[in-house]
C-alpha atoms as a PDB file:
ATOM      1  CA  UNK A   1      28.522 -64.402  39.492  1.00  0.00           C
ATOM      2  CA  UNK A   2      26.994 -65.051  36.161  1.00  0.00           C
ATOM      3  CA  UNK A   3      23.712 -63.665  34.996  1.00  0.00           C
ATOM      4  CA  UNK A   4      22.287 -67.173  34.490  1.00  0.00           C
ATOM      5  CA  UNK A   5      23.074 -68.165  38.066  1.00  0.00           C
ATOM      6  CA  UNK A   6      21.549 -64.937  39.395  1.00  0.00           C
ATOM      7  CA  UNK A   7      18.425 -65.450  37.311  1.00  0.00           C
ATOM      8  CA  UNK A   8      18.176 -69.124  38.413  1.00  0.00           C
ATOM      9  CA  UNK A   9      18.138 -68.157  42.097  1.00  0.00           C
ATOM     10  CA  UNK A  10      15.136 -65.878  41.676  1.00  0.00           C
ATOM     11  CA  UNK A  11      11.630 -67.087  42.405  1.00  0.00           C
ATOM     12  CA  UNK A  12       9.013 -67.146  39.756  1.00  0.00           C
ATOM     13  CA  UNK A  13       7.408 -63.821  40.907  1.00  0.00           C
ATOM     14  CA  UNK A  14      10.825 -62.187  41.022  1.00  0.00           C
ATOM     15  CA  UNK A  15      11.598 -63.408  37.492  1.00  0.00           C
ATOM     16  CA  UNK A  16       8.305 -61.974  36.172  1.00  0.00           C
ATOM     17  CA  UNK A  17       8.981 -58.708  38.024  1.00  0.00           C
ATOM     18  CA  UNK A  18      12.513 -58.579  36.616  1.00  0.00           C
ATOM     19  CA  UNK A  19      11.257 -59.200  33.039  1.00  0.00           C
ATOM     20  CA  UNK A  20       8.581 -56.514  33.414  1.00  0.00           C
ATOM     21  CA  UNK A  21      11.138 -54.068  34.885  1.00  0.00           C
ATOM     22  CA  UNK A  22      13.649 -54.713  32.080  1.00  0.00           C
ATOM     23  CA  UNK A  23      10.836 -54.310  29.517  1.00  0.00           C
ATOM     24  CA  UNK A  24       9.742 -50.952  31.015  1.00  0.00           C
ATOM     25  CA  UNK A  25      13.358 -49.797  31.241  1.00  0.00           C
ATOM     26  CA  UNK A  26      13.939 -50.794  27.607  1.00  0.00           C
ATOM     27  CA  UNK A  27      10.772 -48.965  26.513  1.00  0.00           C
ATOM     28  CA  UNK A  28      11.817 -45.841  28.460  1.00  0.00           C
ATOM     29  CA  UNK A  29      15.287 -45.866  26.878  1.00  0.00           C
ATOM     30  CA  UNK A  30      13.766 -46.452  23.435  1.00  0.00           C
ATOM     31  CA  UNK A  31      11.329 -43.576  24.006  1.00  0.00           C
ATOM     32  CA  UNK A  32      14.046 -41.153  25.164  1.00  0.00           C
ATOM     33  CA  UNK A  33      16.589 -42.052  22.508  1.00  0.00           C
ATOM     34  CA  UNK A  34      14.426 -42.635  19.440  1.00  0.00           C
ATOM     35  CA  UNK A  35      10.699 -41.981  19.672  1.00  0.00           C
ATOM     36  CA  UNK A  36      10.647 -38.555  21.404  1.00  0.00           C
ATOM     37  CA  UNK A  37      13.194 -36.877  19.060  1.00  0.00           C
ATOM     38  CA  UNK A  38      11.406 -38.286  16.016  1.00  0.00           C
ATOM     39  CA  UNK A  39       8.017 -37.119  17.368  1.00  0.00           C
ATOM     40  CA  UNK A  40       9.335 -33.595  18.084  1.00  0.00           C
ATOM     41  CA  UNK A  41      10.857 -33.372  14.607  1.00  0.00           C
ATOM     42  CA  UNK A  42       7.590 -34.512  12.965  1.00  0.00           C
ATOM     43  CA  UNK A  43       5.636 -31.881  14.962  1.00  0.00           C
ATOM     44  CA  UNK A  44       8.138 -29.182  13.906  1.00  0.00           C
ATOM     45  CA  UNK A  45       7.863 -30.209  10.250  1.00  0.00           C
ATOM     46  CA  UNK A  46       4.042 -30.187  10.461  1.00  0.00           C
ATOM     47  CA  UNK A  47       4.152 -26.682  11.948  1.00  0.00           C
ATOM     48  CA  UNK A  48       6.491 -25.497   9.171  1.00  0.00           C
ATOM     49  CA  UNK A  49       4.158 -27.025   6.572  1.00  0.00           C
ATOM     50  CA  UNK A  50       1.161 -25.138   8.011  1.00  0.00           C
ATOM     51  CA  UNK A  51       3.094 -21.848   7.923  1.00  0.00           C
ATOM     52  CA  UNK A  52       4.240 -22.444   4.343  1.00  0.00           C
ATOM     53  CA  UNK A  53       0.685 -23.383   3.284  1.00  0.00           C
ATOM     54  CA  UNK A  54      -0.641 -20.076   4.670  1.00  0.00           C
ATOM     55  CA  UNK A  55       2.101 -18.144   2.847  1.00  0.00           C
ATOM     56  CA  UNK A  56       1.369 -20.076  -0.329  1.00  0.00           C
ATOM     57  CA  UNK A  57      -2.372 -19.393  -0.127  1.00  0.00           C
ATOM     58  CA  UNK A  58      -1.637 -15.652   0.189  1.00  0.00           C
ATOM     59  CA  UNK A  59       0.731 -15.815  -2.784  1.00  0.00           C
ATOM     60  CA  UNK A  60      -1.850 -17.724  -4.830  1.00  0.00           C
ATOM     61  CA  UNK A  61      -4.486 -15.103  -3.988  1.00  0.00           C
ATOM     62  CA  UNK A  62      -2.081 -12.401  -5.229  1.00  0.00           C
ATOM     63  CA  UNK A  63      -1.418 -14.330  -8.437  1.00  0.00           C
ATOM     64  CA  UNK A  64      -5.161 -14.696  -9.082  1.00  0.00           C
ATOM     65  CA  UNK A  65      -5.603 -10.935  -8.567  1.00  0.00           C
ATOM     66  CA  UNK A  66      -2.668 -10.036 -10.819  1.00  0.00           C
ATOM     67  CA  UNK A  67      -4.855  -8.879 -13.720  1.00  0.00           C
ATOM     68  CA  UNK A  68      -7.046  -6.772 -11.438  1.00  0.00           C
ATOM     69  CA  UNK A  69      -4.004  -5.187  -9.807  1.00  0.00           C
ATOM     70  CA  UNK A  70      -2.374  -4.521 -13.199  1.00  0.00           C
ATOM     71  CA  UNK A  71      -5.554  -2.823 -14.416  1.00  0.00           C
ATOM     72  CA  UNK A  72      -5.758  -0.641 -11.310  1.00  0.00           C
ATOM     73  CA  UNK A  73      -2.063   0.192 -11.653  1.00  0.00           C
ATOM     74  CA  UNK A  74      -2.537   1.305 -15.265  1.00  0.00           C
ATOM     75  CA  UNK A  75      -5.516   3.426 -14.219  1.00  0.00           C
ATOM     76  CA  UNK A  76      -3.459   5.416 -11.691  1.00  0.00           C
ATOM     77  CA  UNK A  77      -0.138   5.374 -13.527  1.00  0.00           C
ATOM     78  CA  UNK A  78      -0.760   8.749 -15.153  1.00  0.00           C
ATOM     79  CA  UNK A  79      -0.989  10.326 -11.681  1.00  0.00           C
ATOM     80  CA  UNK A  80       2.289   8.845 -10.481  1.00  0.00           C
ATOM     81  CA  UNK A  81       4.694   9.094 -13.377  1.00  0.00           C
ATOM     82  CA  UNK A  82       5.977  12.352 -14.802  1.00  0.00           C
ATOM     83  CA  UNK A  83       5.920  12.661 -18.573  1.00  0.00           C
ATOM     84  CA  UNK A  84       8.740  15.193 -18.928  1.00  0.00           C
ATOM     85  CA  UNK A  85      10.636  18.035 -17.315  1.00  0.00           C
ATOM     86  CA  UNK A  86       9.250  20.468 -14.751  1.00  0.00           C
ATOM     87  CA  UNK A  87       8.670  23.029 -17.498  1.00  0.00           C
ATOM     88  CA  UNK A  88       6.650  20.516 -19.516  1.00  0.00           C
ATOM     89  CA  UNK A  89       4.572  19.637 -16.479  1.00  0.00           C
ATOM     90  CA  UNK A  90       3.875  23.311 -15.744  1.00  0.00           C
ATOM     91  CA  UNK A  91       2.936  23.821 -19.416  1.00  0.00           C
ATOM     92  CA  UNK A  92       0.511  20.894 -19.118  1.00  0.00           C
ATOM     93  CA  UNK A  93      -1.017  22.458 -15.975  1.00  0.00           C
ATOM     94  CA  UNK A  94      -1.351  25.863 -17.685  1.00  0.00           C
ATOM     95  CA  UNK A  95      -2.985  24.283 -20.735  1.00  0.00           C
ATOM     96  CA  UNK A  96      -5.493  22.481 -18.481  1.00  0.00           C
ATOM     97  CA  UNK A  97      -6.287  25.710 -16.588  1.00  0.00           C
ATOM     98  CA  UNK A  98      -6.763  27.641 -19.843  1.00  0.00           C
ATOM     99  CA  UNK A  99      -9.061  24.929 -21.226  1.00  0.00           C
ATOM    100  CA  UNK A 100     -11.130  24.911 -18.014  1.00  0.00           C
ATOM    101  CA  UNK A 101     -11.393  28.725 -18.091  1.00  0.00           C
ATOM    102  CA  UNK A 102     -12.479  28.687 -21.740  1.00  0.00           C
ATOM    103  CA  UNK A 103     -15.106  25.981 -21.156  1.00  0.00           C
ATOM    104  CA  UNK A 104     -16.566  27.785 -18.106  1.00  0.00           C
ATOM    105  CA  UNK A 105     -16.578  31.287 -19.696  1.00  0.00           C
ATOM    106  CA  UNK A 106     -14.019  32.728 -17.273  1.00  0.00           C
ATOM    107  CA  UNK A 107     -11.496  35.351 -18.388  1.00  0.00           C
ATOM    108  CA  UNK A 108      -7.915  34.734 -17.174  1.00  0.00           C
ATOM    109  CA  UNK A 109      -6.340  38.104 -16.393  1.00  0.00           C
ATOM    110  CA  UNK A 110      -2.971  36.824 -15.202  1.00  0.00           C
ATOM    111  CA  UNK A 111      -1.243  33.450 -14.741  1.00  0.00           C
ATOM    112  CA  UNK A 112       2.014  33.187 -12.778  1.00  0.00           C
ATOM    113  CA  UNK A 113       3.777  29.833 -12.375  1.00  0.00           C
ATOM    114  CA  UNK A 114       5.154  29.687  -8.838  1.00  0.00           C
ATOM    115  CA  UNK A 115       7.706  26.958  -9.532  1.00  0.00           C
ATOM    116  CA  UNK A 116       8.121  23.518  -8.031  1.00  0.00           C
ATOM    117  CA  UNK A 117       8.816  22.388  -4.493  1.00  0.00           C
ATOM    118  CA  UNK A 118      10.414  19.011  -3.727  1.00  0.00           C
ATOM    119  CA  UNK A 119       8.705  17.668  -0.593  1.00  0.00           C
ATOM    120  CA  UNK A 120       9.916  14.309   0.719  1.00  0.00           C
ATOM    121  CA  UNK A 121       8.930  11.828  -1.985  1.00  0.00           C
ATOM    122  CA  UNK A 122       6.798  14.066  -4.217  1.00  0.00           C
ATOM    123  CA  UNK A 123       6.917  17.344  -6.135  1.00  0.00           C
ATOM    124  CA  UNK A 124       4.389  20.113  -5.794  1.00  0.00           C
ATOM    125  CA  UNK A 125       3.738  22.449  -8.731  1.00  0.00           C
ATOM    126  CA  UNK A 126       2.029  25.782  -8.013  1.00  0.00           C
ATOM    127  CA  UNK A 127       0.396  28.360 -10.290  1.00  0.00           C
ATOM    128  CA  UNK A 128      -1.220  31.596  -9.137  1.00  0.00           C
ATOM    129  CA  UNK A 129      -3.911  32.968 -11.387  1.00  0.00           C
ATOM    130  CA  UNK A 130      -6.239  35.917 -11.515  1.00  0.00           C
ATOM    131  CA  UNK A 131      -9.590  35.371 -13.194  1.00  0.00           C
ATOM    132  CA  UNK A 132     -12.767  37.324 -13.838  1.00  0.00           C
ATOM    133  CA  UNK A 133     -16.269  36.210 -14.589  1.00  0.00           C
ATOM    134  CA  UNK A 134     -19.771  35.768 -13.256  1.00  0.00           C
ATOM    135  CA  UNK A 135     -19.990  34.034  -9.873  1.00  0.00           C
ATOM    136  CA  UNK A 136     -21.606  30.878 -11.289  1.00  0.00           C
ATOM    137  CA  UNK A 137     -18.941  30.694 -14.008  1.00  0.00           C
ATOM    138  CA  UNK A 138     -16.144  31.062 -11.444  1.00  0.00           C
ATOM    139  CA  UNK A 139     -17.765  28.350  -9.323  1.00  0.00           C
ATOM    140  CA  UNK A 140     -17.869  26.068 -12.383  1.00  0.00           C
ATOM    141  CA  UNK A 141     -14.225  26.914 -13.110  1.00  0.00           C
ATOM    142  CA  UNK A 142     -13.126  26.099  -9.538  1.00  0.00           C
ATOM    143  CA  UNK A 143     -15.140  22.875  -9.608  1.00  0.00           C
ATOM    144  CA  UNK A 144     -13.388  21.944 -12.876  1.00  0.00           C
ATOM    145  CA  UNK A 145      -9.984  22.623 -11.323  1.00  0.00           C
ATOM    146  CA  UNK A 146     -10.705  20.444  -8.295  1.00  0.00           C
ATOM    147  CA  UNK A 147     -12.058  17.598 -10.458  1.00  0.00           C
ATOM    148  CA  UNK A 148      -9.434  17.803 -13.189  1.00  0.00           C
ATOM    149  CA  UNK A 149      -7.841  14.673 -14.630  1.00  0.00           C
ATOM    150  CA  UNK A 150      -4.455  16.211 -13.719  1.00  0.00           C
ATOM    151  CA  UNK A 151      -5.426  16.180 -10.005  1.00  0.00           C
ATOM    152  CA  UNK A 152      -5.243  19.967  -9.666  1.00  0.00           C
ATOM    153  CA  UNK A 153      -6.347  21.601  -6.421  1.00  0.00           C
ATOM    154  CA  UNK A 154      -7.466  25.172  -5.761  1.00  0.00           C
ATOM    155  CA  UNK A 155      -5.584  25.810  -2.520  1.00  0.00           C
ATOM    156  CA  UNK A 156      -6.141  29.520  -1.767  1.00  0.00           C
ATOM    157  CA  UNK A 157      -9.070  31.465  -3.160  1.00  0.00           C
ATOM    158  CA  UNK A 158      -9.749  35.172  -2.796  1.00  0.00           C
ATOM    159  CA  UNK A 159     -12.937  36.552  -4.394  1.00  0.00           C
ATOM    160  CA  UNK A 160     -14.100  40.155  -4.690  1.00  0.00           C
ATOM    161  CA  UNK A 161     -16.416  42.207  -6.881  1.00  0.00           C
ATOM    162  CA  UNK A 162     -14.652  43.811  -9.825  1.00  0.00           C
ATOM    163  CA  UNK A 163     -16.728  46.989  -9.518  1.00  0.00           C
ATOM    164  CA  UNK A 164     -19.535  48.113  -7.244  1.00  0.00           C
ATOM    165  CA  UNK A 165     -22.961  47.123  -8.497  1.00  0.00           C
ATOM    166  CA  UNK A 166     -21.374  44.673 -10.968  1.00  0.00           C
ATOM    167  CA  UNK A 167     -22.086  40.971 -11.409  1.00  0.00           C
ATOM    168  CA  UNK A 168     -18.469  40.352 -12.426  1.00  0.00           C
ATOM    169  CA  UNK A 169     -16.350  38.743  -9.736  1.00  0.00           C
ATOM    170  CA  UNK A 170     -12.575  38.893  -9.619  1.00  0.00           C
ATOM    171  CA  UNK A 171     -10.754  35.924  -8.094  1.00  0.00           C
ATOM    172  CA  UNK A 172      -7.167  35.148  -7.191  1.00  0.00           C
ATOM    173  CA  UNK A 173      -6.533  31.408  -6.938  1.00  0.00           C
ATOM    174  CA  UNK A 174      -3.450  29.372  -6.045  1.00  0.00           C
ATOM    175  CA  UNK A 175      -3.647  26.112  -7.991  1.00  0.00           C
ATOM    176  CA  UNK A 176      -1.365  23.210  -7.002  1.00  0.00           C
ATOM    177  CA  UNK A 177      -0.609  19.774  -8.328  1.00  0.00           C
ATOM    178  CA  UNK A 178       1.206  17.003  -6.494  1.00  0.00           C
ATOM    179  CA  UNK A 179       3.178  14.537  -8.567  1.00  0.00           C
ATOM    180  CA  UNK A 180       4.972  11.440  -7.315  1.00  0.00           C
ATOM    181  CA  UNK A 181       8.017  10.880  -9.567  1.00  0.00           C
END
């Protein structure tokens, strides 16, 4: 039977129903085969664009702060980078300690470098010193050590009177410096 004969036998309501059914079926096939995949792909692309825009805004913020970051980096660079060998670094520490002792009127009786210790990602330099002076001068000296530009720290401190009834105090101090190579 031919399609024209089949269509001719249908009543007018059946023809309208058939046309509407074929139209809905065609729209459903068109939606499943073309529109839905295109819509999903557009949504995926829009999502990727939003992610890339957020990454780009973070990168742009970093670029705008480049000068600030470079300035901060230069400020702390002297604390991170080593200028020479371990012996040179210890000599620099000793020179700083001697200058601090001189400026705070403290007499250095003995200075003993304790060597270096490699700890994970940094090196620790240690110097043990024995100093004498008035209590306020020793306090100034220890303050100077702890606030030194070389980032020295007074780790262990032992204070005692040099003589009975004397204002001179004798101190043994372990001074350390941490350096990230």
